[in-house]
Amino acid sequence: MTFVCVDEPQGFRSSCPPLATVTSDIAIVRFHGRNTDTWEKKGITAAERFNWYYEREEVDEWVPKIREMAEEAREVHLMINTCYRDQSVVNARLLRERLSKVG
């Protein structure tokens, strides 16, 4: 069974800690953004809840974790779930850029 690692706002009862854990040959990380204003807000769409452009520093926190996961797993899947307008594409490009540059 694959443990799904999650990047999301911290400090809520519903928050999952940002662990980078590999439990099978496939590792998965879901990037939900860190929008604390909307994380537990009722009556809003998923696009509103996950409305977040990642900053370089936020992505850089995951780079060493992702590299370590890649050493343990056969495949690593990175899923961007910031689904408001162009955020998933912009965030995916930033993640790809930082993975190729950050040592």
PDB file of N, CA and C in Angstrom:
ATOM      1  N   MET A   1       0.846  -1.160   0.000  1.00  0.00           N
ATOM      2  CA  MET A   1       0.000   0.000   0.000  1.00  0.00           C
ATOM      3  C   MET A   1       0.904   1.238   0.000  1.00  0.00           C
ATOM      4  N   THR A   2       0.520   2.227  -0.752  1.00  0.00           N
ATOM      5  CA  THR A   2       1.301   3.449  -0.876  1.00  0.00           C
ATOM      6  C   THR A   2       0.795   4.513   0.082  1.00  0.00           C
ATOM      7  N   PHE A   3       1.685   5.068   0.864  1.00  0.00           N
ATOM      8  CA  PHE A   3       1.380   6.213   1.706  1.00  0.00           C
ATOM      9  C   PHE A   3       1.437   7.458   0.821  1.00  0.00           C
ATOM     10  N   VAL A   4       0.396   8.280   0.870  1.00  0.00           N
ATOM     11  CA  VAL A   4       0.373   9.505   0.081  1.00  0.00           C
ATOM     12  C   VAL A   4       0.830  10.659   0.957  1.00  0.00           C
ATOM     13  N   CYS A   5       1.959  11.251   0.587  1.00  0.00           N
ATOM     14  CA  CYS A   5       2.504  12.403   1.305  1.00  0.00           C
ATOM     15  C   CYS A   5       1.736  13.638   0.853  1.00  0.00           C
ATOM     16  N   VAL A   6       1.555  14.590   1.769  1.00  0.00           N
ATOM     17  CA  VAL A   6       0.720  15.741   1.458  1.00  0.00           C
ATOM     18  C   VAL A   6       1.380  17.032   1.925  1.00  0.00           C
ATOM     19  N   ASP A   7       1.331  18.032   1.042  1.00  0.00           N
ATOM     20  CA  ASP A   7       1.697  19.388   1.439  1.00  0.00           C
ATOM     21  C   ASP A   7       0.400  20.166   1.534  1.00  0.00           C
ATOM     22  N   GLU A   8       0.118  20.676   2.723  1.00  0.00           N
ATOM     23  CA  GLU A   8      -1.122  21.405   2.984  1.00  0.00           C
ATOM     24  C   GLU A   8      -0.902  22.318   4.186  1.00  0.00           C
ATOM     25  N   PRO A   9      -1.854  23.196   4.454  1.00  0.00           N
ATOM     26  CA  PRO A   9      -1.689  24.075   5.614  1.00  0.00           C
ATOM     27  C   PRO A   9      -1.584  23.273   6.911  1.00  0.00           C
ATOM     28  N   GLN A  10      -0.750  23.735   7.794  1.00  0.00           N
ATOM     29  CA  GLN A  10      -0.569  23.088   9.083  1.00  0.00           C
ATOM     30  C   GLN A  10      -1.315  23.865  10.164  1.00  0.00           C
ATOM     31  N   GLY A  11      -1.551  23.207  11.289  1.00  0.00           N
ATOM     32  CA  GLY A  11      -2.160  23.873  12.429  1.00  0.00           C
ATOM     33  C   GLY A  11      -3.657  23.645  12.570  1.00  0.00           C
ATOM     34  N   PHE A  12      -4.235  22.808  11.709  1.00  0.00           N
ATOM     35  CA  PHE A  12      -5.662  22.499  11.797  1.00  0.00           C
ATOM     36  C   PHE A  12      -5.828  21.066  12.290  1.00  0.00           C
ATOM     37  N   ARG A  13      -6.985  20.767  12.859  1.00  0.00           N
ATOM     38  CA  ARG A  13      -7.251  19.385  13.281  1.00  0.00           C
ATOM     39  C   ARG A  13      -7.189  18.441  12.094  1.00  0.00           C
ATOM     40  N   SER A  14      -7.527  18.952  10.921  1.00  0.00           N
ATOM     41  CA  SER A  14      -7.551  18.129   9.710  1.00  0.00           C
ATOM     42  C   SER A  14      -6.198  18.058   9.006  1.00  0.00           C
ATOM     43  N   SER A  15      -5.203  18.767   9.508  1.00  0.00           N
ATOM     44  CA  SER A  15      -3.894  18.807   8.848  1.00  0.00           C
ATOM     45  C   SER A  15      -3.164  17.474   8.975  1.00  0.00           C
ATOM     46  N   CYS A  16      -2.532  17.080   7.879  1.00  0.00           N
ATOM     47  CA  CYS A  16      -1.626  15.935   7.879  1.00  0.00           C
ATOM     48  C   CYS A  16      -0.216  16.481   7.938  1.00  0.00           C
ATOM     49  N   PRO A  17       0.642  15.921   8.746  1.00  0.00           N
ATOM     50  CA  PRO A  17       2.024  16.406   8.797  1.00  0.00           C
ATOM     51  C   PRO A  17       2.713  16.174   7.451  1.00  0.00           C
ATOM     52  N   PRO A  18       3.619  17.060   7.064  1.00  0.00           N
ATOM     53  CA  PRO A  18       4.286  16.946   5.754  1.00  0.00           C
ATOM     54  C   PRO A  18       5.394  15.899   5.753  1.00  0.00           C
ATOM     55  N   LEU A  19       5.005  14.653   5.942  1.00  0.00           N
ATOM     56  CA  LEU A  19       5.970  13.558   5.982  1.00  0.00           C
ATOM     57  C   LEU A  19       6.336  13.124   4.573  1.00  0.00           C
ATOM     58  N   ALA A  20       7.568  12.720   4.399  1.00  0.00           N
ATOM     59  CA  ALA A  20       8.027  12.150   3.131  1.00  0.00           C
ATOM     60  C   ALA A  20       8.352  10.694   3.401  1.00  0.00           C
ATOM     61  N   THR A  21       7.364   9.847   3.240  1.00  0.00           N
ATOM     62  CA  THR A  21       7.484   8.448   3.604  1.00  0.00           C
ATOM     63  C   THR A  21       7.243   7.559   2.388  1.00  0.00           C
ATOM     64  N   VAL A  22       8.098   6.590   2.206  1.00  0.00           N
ATOM     65  CA  VAL A  22       7.949   5.629   1.114  1.00  0.00           C
ATOM     66  C   VAL A  22       7.558   4.291   1.721  1.00  0.00           C
ATOM     67  N   THR A  23       6.422   3.755   1.288  1.00  0.00           N
ATOM     68  CA  THR A  23       5.934   2.495   1.836  1.00  0.00           C
ATOM     69  C   THR A  23       5.781   1.411   0.775  1.00  0.00           C
ATOM     70  N   SER A  24       6.051   1.749  -0.474  1.00  0.00           N
ATOM     71  CA  SER A  24       5.986   0.758  -1.554  1.00  0.00           C
ATOM     72  C   SER A  24       6.903   1.210  -2.679  1.00  0.00           C
ATOM     73  N   ASP A  25       6.822   0.563  -3.821  1.00  0.00           N
ATOM     74  CA  ASP A  25       7.697   0.946  -4.924  1.00  0.00           C
ATOM     75  C   ASP A  25       7.229   2.204  -5.649  1.00  0.00           C
ATOM     76  N   ILE A  26       6.053   2.691  -5.294  1.00  0.00           N
ATOM     77  CA  ILE A  26       5.541   3.947  -5.841  1.00  0.00           C
ATOM     78  C   ILE A  26       5.353   4.928  -4.692  1.00  0.00           C
ATOM     79  N   ALA A  27       5.908   6.114  -4.845  1.00  0.00           N
ATOM     80  CA  ALA A  27       5.758   7.181  -3.849  1.00  0.00           C
ATOM     81  C   ALA A  27       4.915   8.296  -4.470  1.00  0.00           C
ATOM     82  N   ILE A  28       4.070   8.898  -3.661  1.00  0.00           N
ATOM     83  CA  ILE A  28       3.170   9.946  -4.153  1.00  0.00           C
ATOM     84  C   ILE A  28       3.214  11.135  -3.207  1.00  0.00           C
ATOM     85  N   VAL A  29       3.286  12.327  -3.799  1.00  0.00           N
ATOM     86  CA  VAL A  29       3.164  13.568  -3.032  1.00  0.00           C
ATOM     87  C   VAL A  29       2.076  14.404  -3.689  1.00  0.00           C
ATOM     88  N   ARG A  30       1.127  14.852  -2.897  1.00  0.00           N
ATOM     89  CA  ARG A  30       0.062  15.742  -3.374  1.00  0.00           C
ATOM     90  C   ARG A  30       0.319  17.132  -2.807  1.00  0.00           C
ATOM     91  N   PHE A  31       0.329  18.101  -3.666  1.00  0.00           N
ATOM     92  CA  PHE A  31       0.527  19.499  -3.290  1.00  0.00           C
ATOM     93  C   PHE A  31      -0.819  20.210  -3.343  1.00  0.00           C
ATOM     94  N   HIS A  32      -1.369  20.506  -2.155  1.00  0.00           N
ATOM     95  CA  HIS A  32      -2.669  21.158  -2.058  1.00  0.00           C
ATOM     96  C   HIS A  32      -2.565  22.666  -1.869  1.00  0.00           C
ATOM     97  N   GLY A  33      -1.369  23.191  -1.688  1.00  0.00           N
ATOM     98  CA  GLY A  33      -1.228  24.606  -1.359  1.00  0.00           C
ATOM     99  C   GLY A  33      -1.331  24.801   0.136  1.00  0.00           C
ATOM    100  N   ARG A  34      -1.122  26.033   0.551  1.00  0.00           N
ATOM    101  CA  ARG A  34      -1.094  26.324   1.990  1.00  0.00           C
ATOM    102  C   ARG A  34      -2.023  27.466   2.373  1.00  0.00           C
ATOM    103  N   ASN A  35      -3.175  27.496   1.754  1.00  0.00           N
ATOM    104  CA  ASN A  35      -4.130  28.577   1.983  1.00  0.00           C
ATOM    105  C   ASN A  35      -4.878  28.357   3.298  1.00  0.00           C
ATOM    106  N   THR A  36      -4.377  28.964   4.365  1.00  0.00           N
ATOM    107  CA  THR A  36      -4.993  28.805   5.685  1.00  0.00           C
ATOM    108  C   THR A  36      -6.346  29.507   5.778  1.00  0.00           C
ATOM    109  N   ASP A  37      -6.581  30.498   4.930  1.00  0.00           N
ATOM    110  CA  ASP A  37      -7.854  31.228   4.966  1.00  0.00           C
ATOM    111  C   ASP A  37      -9.024  30.379   4.483  1.00  0.00           C
ATOM    112  N   THR A  38      -8.756  29.408   3.613  1.00  0.00           N
ATOM    113  CA  THR A  38      -9.854  28.640   3.024  1.00  0.00           C
ATOM    114  C   THR A  38      -9.829  27.156   3.365  1.00  0.00           C
ATOM    115  N   TRP A  39      -8.798  26.693   4.064  1.00  0.00           N
ATOM    116  CA  TRP A  39      -8.608  25.256   4.247  1.00  0.00           C
ATOM    117  C   TRP A  39      -9.823  24.557   4.842  1.00  0.00           C
ATOM    118  N   GLU A  40     -10.411  25.114   5.874  1.00  0.00           N
ATOM    119  CA  GLU A  40     -11.578  24.476   6.506  1.00  0.00           C
ATOM    120  C   GLU A  40     -12.860  25.285   6.325  1.00  0.00           C
ATOM    121  N   LYS A  41     -12.839  26.201   5.395  1.00  0.00           N
ATOM    122  CA  LYS A  41     -14.009  27.041   5.138  1.00  0.00           C
ATOM    123  C   LYS A  41     -15.128  26.202   4.522  1.00  0.00           C
ATOM    124  N   LYS A  42     -16.324  26.374   5.009  1.00  0.00           N
ATOM    125  CA  LYS A  42     -17.480  25.613   4.533  1.00  0.00           C
ATOM    126  C   LYS A  42     -18.120  26.320   3.337  1.00  0.00           C
ATOM    127  N   GLY A  43     -18.732  25.528   2.469  1.00  0.00           N
ATOM    128  CA  GLY A  43     -19.528  26.060   1.369  1.00  0.00           C
ATOM    129  C   GLY A  43     -18.736  26.659   0.215  1.00  0.00           C
ATOM    130  N   ILE A  44     -17.483  26.250   0.035  1.00  0.00           N
ATOM    131  CA  ILE A  44     -16.694  26.762  -1.083  1.00  0.00           C
ATOM    132  C   ILE A  44     -16.283  25.606  -1.990  1.00  0.00           C
ATOM    133  N   THR A  45     -15.868  25.941  -3.191  1.00  0.00           N
ATOM    134  CA  THR A  45     -15.448  24.914  -4.145  1.00  0.00           C
ATOM    135  C   THR A  45     -14.024  24.448  -3.841  1.00  0.00           C
ATOM    136  N   ALA A  46     -13.654  23.328  -4.441  1.00  0.00           N
ATOM    137  CA  ALA A  46     -12.272  22.840  -4.304  1.00  0.00           C
ATOM    138  C   ALA A  46     -11.297  23.860  -4.872  1.00  0.00           C
ATOM    139  N   ALA A  47     -11.672  24.495  -5.965  1.00  0.00           N
ATOM    140  CA  ALA A  47     -10.798  25.512  -6.562  1.00  0.00           C
ATOM    141  C   ALA A  47     -10.541  26.651  -5.572  1.00  0.00           C
ATOM    142  N   GLU A  48     -11.546  27.049  -4.836  1.00  0.00           N
ATOM    143  CA  GLU A  48     -11.361  28.098  -3.828  1.00  0.00           C
ATOM    144  C   GLU A  48     -10.522  27.603  -2.649  1.00  0.00           C
ATOM    145  N   ARG A  49     -10.752  26.382  -2.221  1.00  0.00           N
ATOM    146  CA  ARG A  49     -10.014  25.824  -1.079  1.00  0.00           C
ATOM    147  C   ARG A  49      -8.526  25.693  -1.398  1.00  0.00           C
ATOM    148  N   PHE A  50      -8.218  25.235  -2.602  1.00  0.00           N
ATOM    149  CA  PHE A  50      -6.825  24.978  -2.982  1.00  0.00           C
ATOM    150  C   PHE A  50      -6.239  26.120  -3.803  1.00  0.00           C
ATOM    151  N   ASN A  51      -6.718  27.319  -3.600  1.00  0.00           N
ATOM    152  CA  ASN A  51      -6.267  28.511  -4.313  1.00  0.00           C
ATOM    153  C   ASN A  51      -4.907  28.939  -3.752  1.00  0.00           C
ATOM    154  N   TRP A  52      -3.830  28.565  -4.482  1.00  0.00           N
ATOM    155  CA  TRP A  52      -2.497  28.843  -3.938  1.00  0.00           C
ATOM    156  C   TRP A  52      -1.423  28.809  -5.023  1.00  0.00           C
ATOM    157  N   TYR A  53      -0.650  29.867  -5.106  1.00  0.00           N
ATOM    158  CA  TYR A  53       0.588  29.862  -5.888  1.00  0.00           C
ATOM    159  C   TYR A  53       1.725  29.602  -4.916  1.00  0.00           C
ATOM    160  N   TYR A  54       2.484  28.546  -5.156  1.00  0.00           N
ATOM    161  CA  TYR A  54       3.610  28.223  -4.284  1.00  0.00           C
ATOM    162  C   TYR A  54       4.743  29.231  -4.461  1.00  0.00           C
ATOM    163  N   GLU A  55       5.383  29.531  -3.350  1.00  0.00           N
ATOM    164  CA  GLU A  55       6.614  30.324  -3.367  1.00  0.00           C
ATOM    165  C   GLU A  55       7.786  29.360  -3.542  1.00  0.00           C
ATOM    166  N   ARG A  56       8.869  29.854  -4.077  1.00  0.00           N
ATOM    167  CA  ARG A  56      10.053  29.041  -4.306  1.00  0.00           C
ATOM    168  C   ARG A  56      10.510  28.348  -3.019  1.00  0.00           C
ATOM    169  N   GLU A  57      10.505  29.068  -1.911  1.00  0.00           N
ATOM    170  CA  GLU A  57      10.969  28.502  -0.639  1.00  0.00           C
ATOM    171  C   GLU A  57      10.083  27.334  -0.186  1.00  0.00           C
ATOM    172  N   GLU A  58       8.797  27.429  -0.450  1.00  0.00           N
ATOM    173  CA  GLU A  58       7.884  26.352  -0.068  1.00  0.00           C
ATOM    174  C   GLU A  58       8.182  25.082  -0.869  1.00  0.00           C
ATOM    175  N   VAL A  59       8.436  25.252  -2.149  1.00  0.00           N
ATOM    176  CA  VAL A  59       8.775  24.113  -3.001  1.00  0.00           C
ATOM    177  C   VAL A  59      10.142  23.549  -2.609  1.00  0.00           C
ATOM    178  N   ASP A  60      11.077  24.444  -2.315  1.00  0.00           N
ATOM    179  CA  ASP A  60      12.425  24.009  -1.946  1.00  0.00           C
ATOM    180  C   ASP A  60      12.440  23.137  -0.699  1.00  0.00           C
ATOM    181  N   GLU A  61      11.466  23.290   0.186  1.00  0.00           N
ATOM    182  CA  GLU A  61      11.365  22.430   1.365  1.00  0.00           C
ATOM    183  C   GLU A  61      11.182  20.969   0.956  1.00  0.00           C
ATOM    184  N   TRP A  62      10.535  20.745  -0.180  1.00  0.00           N
ATOM    185  CA  TRP A  62      10.231  19.391  -0.630  1.00  0.00           C
ATOM    186  C   TRP A  62      11.325  18.781  -1.493  1.00  0.00           C
ATOM    187  N   VAL A  63      12.184  19.575  -2.088  1.00  0.00           N
ATOM    188  CA  VAL A  63      13.182  19.057  -3.029  1.00  0.00           C
ATOM    189  C   VAL A  63      14.033  17.949  -2.410  1.00  0.00           C
ATOM    190  N   PRO A  64      14.671  18.156  -1.256  1.00  0.00           N
ATOM    191  CA  PRO A  64      15.473  17.051  -0.697  1.00  0.00           C
ATOM    192  C   PRO A  64      14.612  15.850  -0.308  1.00  0.00           C
ATOM    193  N   LYS A  65      13.402  16.090   0.136  1.00  0.00           N
ATOM    194  CA  LYS A  65      12.512  14.984   0.491  1.00  0.00           C
ATOM    195  C   LYS A  65      12.172  14.154  -0.751  1.00  0.00           C
ATOM    196  N   ILE A  66      11.876  14.835  -1.844  1.00  0.00           N
ATOM    197  CA  ILE A  66      11.526  14.146  -3.093  1.00  0.00           C
ATOM    198  C   ILE A  66      12.717  13.351  -3.611  1.00  0.00           C
ATOM    199  N   ARG A  67      13.892  13.933  -3.541  1.00  0.00           N
ATOM    200  CA  ARG A  67      15.096  13.214  -3.987  1.00  0.00           C
ATOM    201  C   ARG A  67      15.339  11.963  -3.145  1.00  0.00           C
ATOM    202  N   GLU A  68      15.131  12.087  -1.852  1.00  0.00           N
ATOM    203  CA  GLU A  68      15.291  10.936  -0.972  1.00  0.00           C
ATOM    204  C   GLU A  68      14.255   9.862  -1.287  1.00  0.00           C
ATOM    205  N   MET A  69      13.042  10.288  -1.548  1.00  0.00           N
ATOM    206  CA  MET A  69      11.990   9.345  -1.910  1.00  0.00           C
ATOM    207  C   MET A  69      12.343   8.626  -3.210  1.00  0.00           C
ATOM    208  N   ALA A  70      12.935   9.360  -4.150  1.00  0.00           N
ATOM    209  CA  ALA A  70      13.310   8.777  -5.443  1.00  0.00           C
ATOM    210  C   ALA A  70      14.385   7.701  -5.295  1.00  0.00           C
ATOM    211  N   GLU A  71      15.184   7.784  -4.246  1.00  0.00           N
ATOM    212  CA  GLU A  71      16.199   6.766  -3.989  1.00  0.00           C
ATOM    213  C   GLU A  71      15.580   5.485  -3.427  1.00  0.00           C
ATOM    214  N   GLU A  72      14.433   5.627  -2.790  1.00  0.00           N
ATOM    215  CA  GLU A  72      13.790   4.478  -2.156  1.00  0.00           C
ATOM    216  C   GLU A  72      12.712   3.829  -3.012  1.00  0.00           C
ATOM    217  N   ALA A  73      12.060   4.605  -3.864  1.00  0.00           N
ATOM    218  CA  ALA A  73      10.932   4.109  -4.653  1.00  0.00           C
ATOM    219  C   ALA A  73      11.320   3.932  -6.121  1.00  0.00           C
ATOM    220  N   ARG A  74      10.619   3.059  -6.793  1.00  0.00           N
ATOM    221  CA  ARG A  74      10.834   2.861  -8.231  1.00  0.00           C
ATOM    222  C   ARG A  74      10.301   4.053  -9.013  1.00  0.00           C
ATOM    223  N   GLU A  75       9.169   4.607  -8.566  1.00  0.00           N
ATOM    224  CA  GLU A  75       8.541   5.768  -9.200  1.00  0.00           C
ATOM    225  C   GLU A  75       8.114   6.762  -8.127  1.00  0.00           C
ATOM    226  N   VAL A  76       8.208   8.046  -8.441  1.00  0.00           N
ATOM    227  CA  VAL A  76       7.692   9.091  -7.571  1.00  0.00           C
ATOM    228  C   VAL A  76       6.731   9.940  -8.399  1.00  0.00           C
ATOM    229  N   HIS A  77       5.506  10.050  -7.927  1.00  0.00           N
ATOM    230  CA  HIS A  77       4.488  10.843  -8.608  1.00  0.00           C
ATOM    231  C   HIS A  77       4.216  12.100  -7.793  1.00  0.00           C
ATOM    232  N   LEU A  78       4.322  13.251  -8.440  1.00  0.00           N
ATOM    233  CA  LEU A  78       4.072  14.538  -7.797  1.00  0.00           C
ATOM    234  C   LEU A  78       2.803  15.109  -8.397  1.00  0.00           C
ATOM    235  N   MET A  79       1.794  15.306  -7.554  1.00  0.00           N
ATOM    236  CA  MET A  79       0.487  15.759  -8.023  1.00  0.00           C
ATOM    237  C   MET A  79       0.213  17.153  -7.493  1.00  0.00           C
ATOM    238  N   ILE A  80      -0.044  18.068  -8.405  1.00  0.00           N
ATOM    239  CA  ILE A  80      -0.351  19.447  -8.035  1.00  0.00           C
ATOM    240  C   ILE A  80      -1.869  19.597  -8.009  1.00  0.00           C
ATOM    241  N   ASN A  81      -2.406  19.901  -6.844  1.00  0.00           N
ATOM    242  CA  ASN A  81      -3.852  19.989  -6.682  1.00  0.00           C
ATOM    243  C   ASN A  81      -4.307  21.427  -6.412  1.00  0.00           C
ATOM    244  N   THR A  82      -3.546  22.384  -6.848  1.00  0.00           N
ATOM    245  CA  THR A  82      -3.975  23.780  -6.759  1.00  0.00           C
ATOM    246  C   THR A  82      -4.729  24.061  -8.047  1.00  0.00           C
ATOM    247  N   CYS A  83      -6.042  24.030  -7.962  1.00  0.00           N
ATOM    248  CA  CYS A  83      -6.859  23.943  -9.172  1.00  0.00           C
ATOM    249  C   CYS A  83      -7.606  25.239  -9.511  1.00  0.00           C
ATOM    250  N   TYR A  84      -7.101  26.362  -9.119  1.00  0.00           N
ATOM    251  CA  TYR A  84      -7.730  27.639  -9.449  1.00  0.00           C
ATOM    252  C   TYR A  84      -6.982  28.258 -10.624  1.00  0.00           C
ATOM    253  N   ARG A  85      -7.682  28.533 -11.679  1.00  0.00           N
ATOM    254  CA  ARG A  85      -7.116  29.130 -12.903  1.00  0.00           C
ATOM    255  C   ARG A  85      -5.885  28.365 -13.372  1.00  0.00           C
ATOM    256  N   ASP A  86      -4.746  29.037 -13.493  1.00  0.00           N
ATOM    257  CA  ASP A  86      -3.532  28.410 -14.033  1.00  0.00           C
ATOM    258  C   ASP A  86      -2.572  27.923 -12.952  1.00  0.00           C
ATOM    259  N   GLN A  87      -3.026  27.860 -11.718  1.00  0.00           N
ATOM    260  CA  GLN A  87      -2.115  27.572 -10.616  1.00  0.00           C
ATOM    261  C   GLN A  87      -1.436  26.212 -10.717  1.00  0.00           C
ATOM    262  N   SER A  88      -2.138  25.194 -11.150  1.00  0.00           N
ATOM    263  CA  SER A  88      -1.494  23.874 -11.203  1.00  0.00           C
ATOM    264  C   SER A  88      -0.350  23.854 -12.210  1.00  0.00           C
ATOM    265  N   VAL A  89      -0.530  24.511 -13.341  1.00  0.00           N
ATOM    266  CA  VAL A  89       0.523  24.553 -14.356  1.00  0.00           C
ATOM    267  C   VAL A  89       1.698  25.392 -13.868  1.00  0.00           C
ATOM    268  N   VAL A  90       1.409  26.553 -13.296  1.00  0.00           N
ATOM    269  CA  VAL A  90       2.474  27.433 -12.786  1.00  0.00           C
ATOM    270  C   VAL A  90       3.230  26.737 -11.661  1.00  0.00           C
ATOM    271  N   ASN A  91       2.508  26.108 -10.747  1.00  0.00           N
ATOM    272  CA  ASN A  91       3.156  25.417  -9.631  1.00  0.00           C
ATOM    273  C   ASN A  91       3.960  24.203 -10.096  1.00  0.00           C
ATOM    274  N   ALA A  92       3.463  23.479 -11.086  1.00  0.00           N
ATOM    275  CA  ALA A  92       4.206  22.334 -11.618  1.00  0.00           C
ATOM    276  C   ALA A  92       5.497  22.791 -12.291  1.00  0.00           C
ATOM    277  N   ARG A  93       5.437  23.890 -13.017  1.00  0.00           N
ATOM    278  CA  ARG A  93       6.657  24.420 -13.641  1.00  0.00           C
ATOM    279  C   ARG A  93       7.681  24.833 -12.589  1.00  0.00           C
ATOM    280  N   LEU A  94       7.213  25.483 -11.520  1.00  0.00           N
ATOM    281  CA  LEU A  94       8.116  25.879 -10.444  1.00  0.00           C
ATOM    282  C   LEU A  94       8.748  24.647  -9.802  1.00  0.00           C
ATOM    283  N   LEU A  95       7.957  23.632  -9.546  1.00  0.00           N
ATOM    284  CA  LEU A  95       8.476  22.410  -8.940  1.00  0.00           C
ATOM    285  C   LEU A  95       9.508  21.756  -9.853  1.00  0.00           C
ATOM    286  N   ARG A  96       9.226  21.669 -11.140  1.00  0.00           N
ATOM    287  CA  ARG A  96      10.182  21.093 -12.082  1.00  0.00           C
ATOM    288  C   ARG A  96      11.480  21.905 -12.107  1.00  0.00           C
ATOM    289  N   GLU A  97      11.355  23.221 -12.126  1.00  0.00           N
ATOM    290  CA  GLU A  97      12.526  24.096 -12.133  1.00  0.00           C
ATOM    291  C   GLU A  97      13.368  23.897 -10.880  1.00  0.00           C
ATOM    292  N   ARG A  98      12.737  23.872  -9.717  1.00  0.00           N
ATOM    293  CA  ARG A  98      13.470  23.756  -8.457  1.00  0.00           C
ATOM    294  C   ARG A  98      14.097  22.359  -8.317  1.00  0.00           C
ATOM    295  N   LEU A  99      13.451  21.344  -8.801  1.00  0.00           N
ATOM    296  CA  LEU A  99      14.036  19.997  -8.748  1.00  0.00           C
ATOM    297  C   LEU A  99      15.277  19.907  -9.618  1.00  0.00           C
ATOM    298  N   SER A 100      15.332  20.681 -10.698  1.00  0.00           N
ATOM    299  CA  SER A 100      16.486  20.631 -11.583  1.00  0.00           C
ATOM    300  C   SER A 100      17.627  21.540 -11.118  1.00  0.00           C
ATOM    301  N   LYS A 101      17.338  22.508 -10.226  1.00  0.00           N
ATOM    302  CA  LYS A 101      18.362  23.481  -9.825  1.00  0.00           C
ATOM    303  C   LYS A 101      18.869  23.315  -8.403  1.00  0.00           C
ATOM    304  N   VAL A 102      17.988  23.015  -7.483  1.00  0.00           N
ATOM    305  CA  VAL A 102      18.357  22.972  -6.072  1.00  0.00           C
ATOM    306  C   VAL A 102      19.144  21.706  -5.801  1.00  0.00           C
ATOM    307  N   GLY A 103      20.303  21.858  -5.154  1.00  0.00           N
ATOM    308  CA  GLY A 103      21.162  20.704  -4.884  1.00  0.00           C
ATOM    309  C   GLY A 103      20.823  20.079  -3.594  1.00  0.00           C
TER     310      GLY A 103
END
